[in-house]
Every structure is written in structure tokens, then in C-alpha cells.
C-alpha atoms as a PDB file:
ATOM      1  CA  MET A   1      59.102 101.662 100.829  1.00  0.00           C
ATOM      2  CA  GLY A   2      59.916  97.928 101.146  1.00  0.00           C
ATOM      3  CA  ALA A   3      62.228  97.955  98.057  1.00  0.00           C
ATOM      4  CA  ALA A   4      65.845  96.641  98.756  1.00  0.00           C
ATOM      5  CA  ILE A   5      68.603  99.064  98.125  1.00  0.00           C
ATOM      6  CA  ASP A   6      70.979  98.105  95.306  1.00  0.00           C
ATOM      7  CA  ARG A   7      74.462  97.283  96.357  1.00  0.00           C
ATOM      8  CA  ILE A   8      76.095  99.565  94.075  1.00  0.00           C
ATOM      9  CA  HIS A   9      79.027 100.309  96.225  1.00  0.00           C
ATOM     10  CA  ARG A  10      81.984  97.897  96.377  1.00  0.00           C
ATOM     11  CA  ILE A  11      84.838  97.644  98.918  1.00  0.00           C
ATOM     12  CA  ILE A  12      87.577  95.429  97.547  1.00  0.00           C
ATOM     13  CA  VAL A  13      90.244  94.117  99.932  1.00  0.00           C
ATOM     14  CA  CYS A  14      93.493  92.425  98.983  1.00  0.00           C
ATOM     15  CA  THR A  15      93.635  88.898 100.324  1.00  0.00           C
ATOM     16  CA  LEU A  16      97.282  88.351  99.365  1.00  0.00           C
ATOM     17  CA  CYS A  17      98.875  91.222 101.317  1.00  0.00           C
ATOM     18  CA  ARG A  18     100.902  90.198 104.308  1.00  0.00           C
ATOM     19  CA  ASP A  19     100.985  92.499 107.358  1.00  0.00           C
ATOM     20  CA  ILE A  20     104.488  93.984 107.666  1.00  0.00           C
ATOM     21  CA  PRO A  21     104.872  93.357 111.410  1.00  0.00           C
ATOM     22  CA  THR A  22     103.261  89.958 111.652  1.00  0.00           C
ATOM     23  CA  GLY A  23     103.718  88.485 108.107  1.00  0.00           C
ATOM     24  CA  THR A  24     100.104  87.266 108.285  1.00  0.00           C
ATOM     25  CA  ARG A  25      97.480  87.610 105.592  1.00  0.00           C
ATOM     26  CA  SER A  26      94.580  89.647 107.204  1.00  0.00           C
ATOM     27  CA  GLY A  27      92.541  90.512 104.129  1.00  0.00           C
ATOM     28  CA  GLU A  28      90.010  87.727 104.482  1.00  0.00           C
ATOM     29  CA  ALA A  29      89.489  88.556 108.098  1.00  0.00           C
ATOM     30  CA  LEU A  30      89.033  92.249 107.320  1.00  0.00           C
ATOM     31  CA  CYS A  31      86.395  91.197 104.652  1.00  0.00           C
ATOM     32  CA  THR A  32      84.472  89.300 107.256  1.00  0.00           C
ATOM     33  CA  ASP A  33      84.771  92.132 109.775  1.00  0.00           C
ATOM     34  CA  LEU A  34      83.689  94.778 107.234  1.00  0.00           C
ATOM     35  CA  ARG A  35      80.670  92.737 106.140  1.00  0.00           C
ATOM     36  CA  SER A  36      79.613  92.345 109.790  1.00  0.00           C
ATOM     37  CA  ARG A  37      80.035  96.020 110.595  1.00  0.00           C
ATOM     38  CA  LEU A  38      78.361  97.275 107.500  1.00  0.00           C
ATOM     39  CA  SER A  39      75.307  94.951 107.860  1.00  0.00           C
ATOM     40  CA  THR A  40      74.508  96.234 111.346  1.00  0.00           C
ATOM     41  CA  HIS A  41      75.020  99.964 110.278  1.00  0.00           C
ATOM     42  CA  ALA A  42      72.129 102.264 111.396  1.00  0.00           C
ATOM     43  CA  GLU A  43      72.021 103.878 107.890  1.00  0.00           C
ATOM     44  CA  LEU A  44      70.218 101.756 105.300  1.00  0.00           C
ATOM     45  CA  ALA A  45      72.370 103.147 102.549  1.00  0.00           C
ATOM     46  CA  VAL A  46      75.517 101.819 104.261  1.00  0.00           C
ATOM     47  CA  ALA A  47      73.895  98.483 105.679  1.00  0.00           C
ATOM     48  CA  GLN A  48      72.538  97.381 102.346  1.00  0.00           C
ATOM     49  CA  GLY A  49      74.441  99.571  99.853  1.00  0.00           C
ATOM     50  CA  PHE A  50      77.833  97.806  99.821  1.00  0.00           C
ATOM     51  CA  THR A  51      79.403  94.518  98.904  1.00  0.00           C
ATOM     52  CA  VAL A  52      82.772  93.530 100.169  1.00  0.00           C
ATOM     53  CA  GLU A  53      84.886  91.394  97.963  1.00  0.00           C
ATOM     54  CA  GLY A  54      88.379  89.873  98.441  1.00  0.00           C
ATOM     55  CA  VAL A  55      90.765  89.823  95.489  1.00  0.00           C
ATOM     56  CA  ALA A  56      94.222  88.159  95.369  1.00  0.00           C
ATOM     57  CA  CYS A  57      96.378  91.278  94.584  1.00  0.00           C
ATOM     58  CA  MET A  58      95.830  94.870  93.860  1.00  0.00           C
ATOM     59  CA  ALA A  59      99.491  95.666  93.206  1.00  0.00           C
ATOM     60  CA  GLY A  60      99.675  97.744  96.492  1.00  0.00           C
ATOM     61  CA  CYS A  61     102.466  95.393  97.765  1.00  0.00           C
ATOM     62  CA  ALA A  62     104.625  98.220  98.940  1.00  0.00           C
ATOM     63  CA  ARG A  63     101.907  99.453 101.242  1.00  0.00           C
ATOM     64  CA  PRO A  64      99.962  96.401 102.342  1.00  0.00           C
ATOM     65  CA  LEU A  65      97.094  95.888 103.193  1.00  0.00           C
ATOM     66  CA  ALA A  66      95.299  97.537 100.144  1.00  0.00           C
ATOM     67  CA  VAL A  67      91.668  98.343 100.161  1.00  0.00           C
ATOM     68  CA  ALA A  68      89.528 100.027  97.345  1.00  0.00           C
ATOM     69  CA  PHE A  69      86.290 101.774  97.212  1.00  0.00           C
ATOM     70  CA  GLN A  70      84.274 101.814  93.850  1.00  0.00           C
ATOM     71  CA  ALA A  71      80.785 102.742  92.549  1.00  0.00           C
ATOM     72  CA  PRO A  72      79.370 103.442  89.242  1.00  0.00           C
ATOM     73  CA  GLY A  73      79.616 107.299  88.316  1.00  0.00           C
ATOM     74  CA  LYS A  74      82.001 107.946  91.341  1.00  0.00           C
ATOM     75  CA  ALA A  75      85.665 108.516  91.742  1.00  0.00           C
ATOM     76  CA  ALA A  76      87.353 105.386  93.163  1.00  0.00           C
ATOM     77  CA  TYR A  77      89.767 105.275  96.035  1.00  0.00           C
ATOM     78  CA  LEU A  78      92.656 103.035  96.871  1.00  0.00           C
ATOM     79  CA  PHE A  79      94.029 102.999 100.488  1.00  0.00           C
ATOM     80  CA  GLY A  80      97.281 101.310 101.525  1.00  0.00           C
ATOM     81  CA  SER A  81      99.006 100.490 104.798  1.00  0.00           C
ATOM     82  CA  ILE A  82      95.717  99.335 106.302  1.00  0.00           C
ATOM     83  CA  ASP A  83      95.709  97.763 109.832  1.00  0.00           C
ATOM     84  CA  ALA A  84      92.910  95.294 109.645  1.00  0.00           C
ATOM     85  CA  GLU A  85      91.921  95.698 113.187  1.00  0.00           C
ATOM     86  CA  ALA A  86      92.842  99.321 113.990  1.00  0.00           C
ATOM     87  CA  ASP A  87      91.485 100.861 110.641  1.00  0.00           C
ATOM     88  CA  ALA A  88      88.196  98.857 110.331  1.00  0.00           C
ATOM     89  CA  GLY A  89      85.984 101.428 112.075  1.00  0.00           C
ATOM     90  CA  ASP A  90      87.410 104.187 109.841  1.00  0.00           C
ATOM     91  CA  LEU A  91      86.924 102.177 106.772  1.00  0.00           C
ATOM     92  CA  VAL A  92      83.201 101.908 107.842  1.00  0.00           C
ATOM     93  CA  ARG A  93      83.076 105.643 108.508  1.00  0.00           C
ATOM     94  CA  PHE A  94      84.560 106.236 104.994  1.00  0.00           C
ATOM     95  CA  ALA A  95      81.925 103.938 103.548  1.00  0.00           C
ATOM     96  CA  ARG A  96      79.212 106.079 105.099  1.00  0.00           C
ATOM     97  CA  LEU A  97      80.937 109.276 103.670  1.00  0.00           C
ATOM     98  CA  TYR A  98      81.424 107.744 100.227  1.00  0.00           C
ATOM     99  CA  ALA A  99      77.776 106.515 100.030  1.00  0.00           C
ATOM    100  CA  SER A 100      76.662 110.205 100.761  1.00  0.00           C
ATOM    101  CA  LEU A 101      78.885 111.689  97.897  1.00  0.00           C
ATOM    102  CA  PRO A 102      77.225 112.075  94.692  1.00  0.00           C
ATOM    103  CA  ASP A 103      80.441 111.934  92.631  1.00  0.00           C
ATOM    104  CA  GLY A 104      82.730 110.238  95.206  1.00  0.00           C
ATOM    105  CA  TRP A 105      85.093 113.266  95.473  1.00  0.00           C
ATOM    106  CA  CYS A 106      86.248 114.370  98.920  1.00  0.00           C
ATOM    107  CA  ASN A 107      89.470 115.830 100.235  1.00  0.00           C
ATOM    108  CA  ALA A 108      91.703 114.402 102.865  1.00  0.00           C
ATOM    109  CA  GLY A 109      90.342 116.517 105.586  1.00  0.00           C
ATOM    110  CA  GLN A 110      86.870 114.788 105.010  1.00  0.00           C
ATOM    111  CA  ARG A 111      88.283 111.276 105.235  1.00  0.00           C
ATOM    112  CA  PRO A 112      88.408 109.623 108.747  1.00  0.00           C
ATOM    113  CA  PRO A 113      91.689 110.465 110.516  1.00  0.00           C
ATOM    114  CA  ARG A 114      93.330 106.913 110.172  1.00  0.00           C
ATOM    115  CA  LEU A 115      92.718 106.988 106.343  1.00  0.00           C
ATOM    116  CA  ALA A 116      93.741 110.581 105.397  1.00  0.00           C
ATOM    117  CA  GLY A 117      97.441 109.643 105.169  1.00  0.00           C
ATOM    118  CA  LYS A 118      96.828 106.186 103.595  1.00  0.00           C
ATOM    119  CA  THR A 119      95.257 107.363 100.388  1.00  0.00           C
ATOM    120  CA  LEU A 120      97.363 105.864  97.547  1.00  0.00           C
ATOM    121  CA  ALA A 121      94.982 106.982  94.684  1.00  0.00           C
ATOM    122  CA  ARG A 122      91.730 108.736  93.825  1.00  0.00           C
ATOM    123  CA  ILE A 123      90.761 107.622  90.368  1.00  0.00           C
ATOM    124  CA  PRO A 124      88.306 109.874  88.442  1.00  0.00           C
ATOM    125  CA  VAL A 125      85.273 108.291  86.772  1.00  0.00           C
ATOM    126  CA  ALA A 126      86.094 106.673  83.357  1.00  0.00           C
ATOM    127  CA  GLY A 127      84.967 108.739  80.442  1.00  0.00           C
ATOM    128  CA  GLU A 128      84.656 112.016  82.332  1.00  0.00           C
ATOM    129  CA  PRO A 129      87.224 114.700  81.467  1.00  0.00           C
ATOM    130  CA  ALA A 130      89.865 115.352  84.122  1.00  0.00           C
ATOM    131  CA  GLY A 131      89.649 119.017  85.116  1.00  0.00           C
ATOM    132  CA  ASP A 132      91.521 120.992  87.586  1.00  0.00           C
ATOM    133  CA  SER A 133      88.383 122.262  89.344  1.00  0.00           C
ATOM    134  CA  ARG A 134      89.081 120.138  92.497  1.00  0.00           C
END
């Protein structure tokens, strides 16, 4: 089974956001940290299943630092008020959870503790009817 896993999951980090207490931009450093943590993850689906990309603004300016998770056929998530150092471990834990979810849906109680109150949006898959079953 030597085939490589497709990197179908994306983590997108705002590189323009400034940390509120320090005023520094920590998005690029968070991208580097996440790439490193993910590449050494014990689970192949996590280690090889994600790309980490920086983008210069996700309009989460009121709650910097913004980080999003996306994958084809899955609900997307947008988190805000991310602390690049303190939240990196929980972002990796969420990556593990997200990779395991067939449709991307999870409730706040399933998310790592530091992210549960930082969810800005869960966006349903495009083209699928929005139901009230969740």
C-alpha cells in the first residue's frame, strides 16, 4: 500500500491578522508550526492529508487570528481569536477529528477545548440542502 494519500484537506491561516495583545502578525509562523506538527503526526491521514496555506485576509478582523478548515464534500469551519502558540496543538487535534468525519459535521463538544468557543462559522457543503437535522 505504497500509494500517497491525497492532500484533500486544507487549513487556511490569515497572514494579515495582528495579534491583539502584541500587534504582531503571527499567521506565517502558525503556518510553519502547523506544517511541522502535521508532518510528524502518527496518523498517515493527518500527516499527509493536509495542506496548510496562508492567505492575506479572511475578513475575521474583529477576531484575529482567523483559521479555516476545508475539504471537498465536507462542512468548512472558520475559527477566530486563535492564539498561534497556545492553540496550535488543538488545531492539530481538530485536524485529526476533521479528517475522520465523513461530512465534516461535529458539535462544539467534540472540538478540542481551546477551539470550542472560537468557532465563528460552520459552512455547509455547497449544493447540499441545508436541513435542520443537526
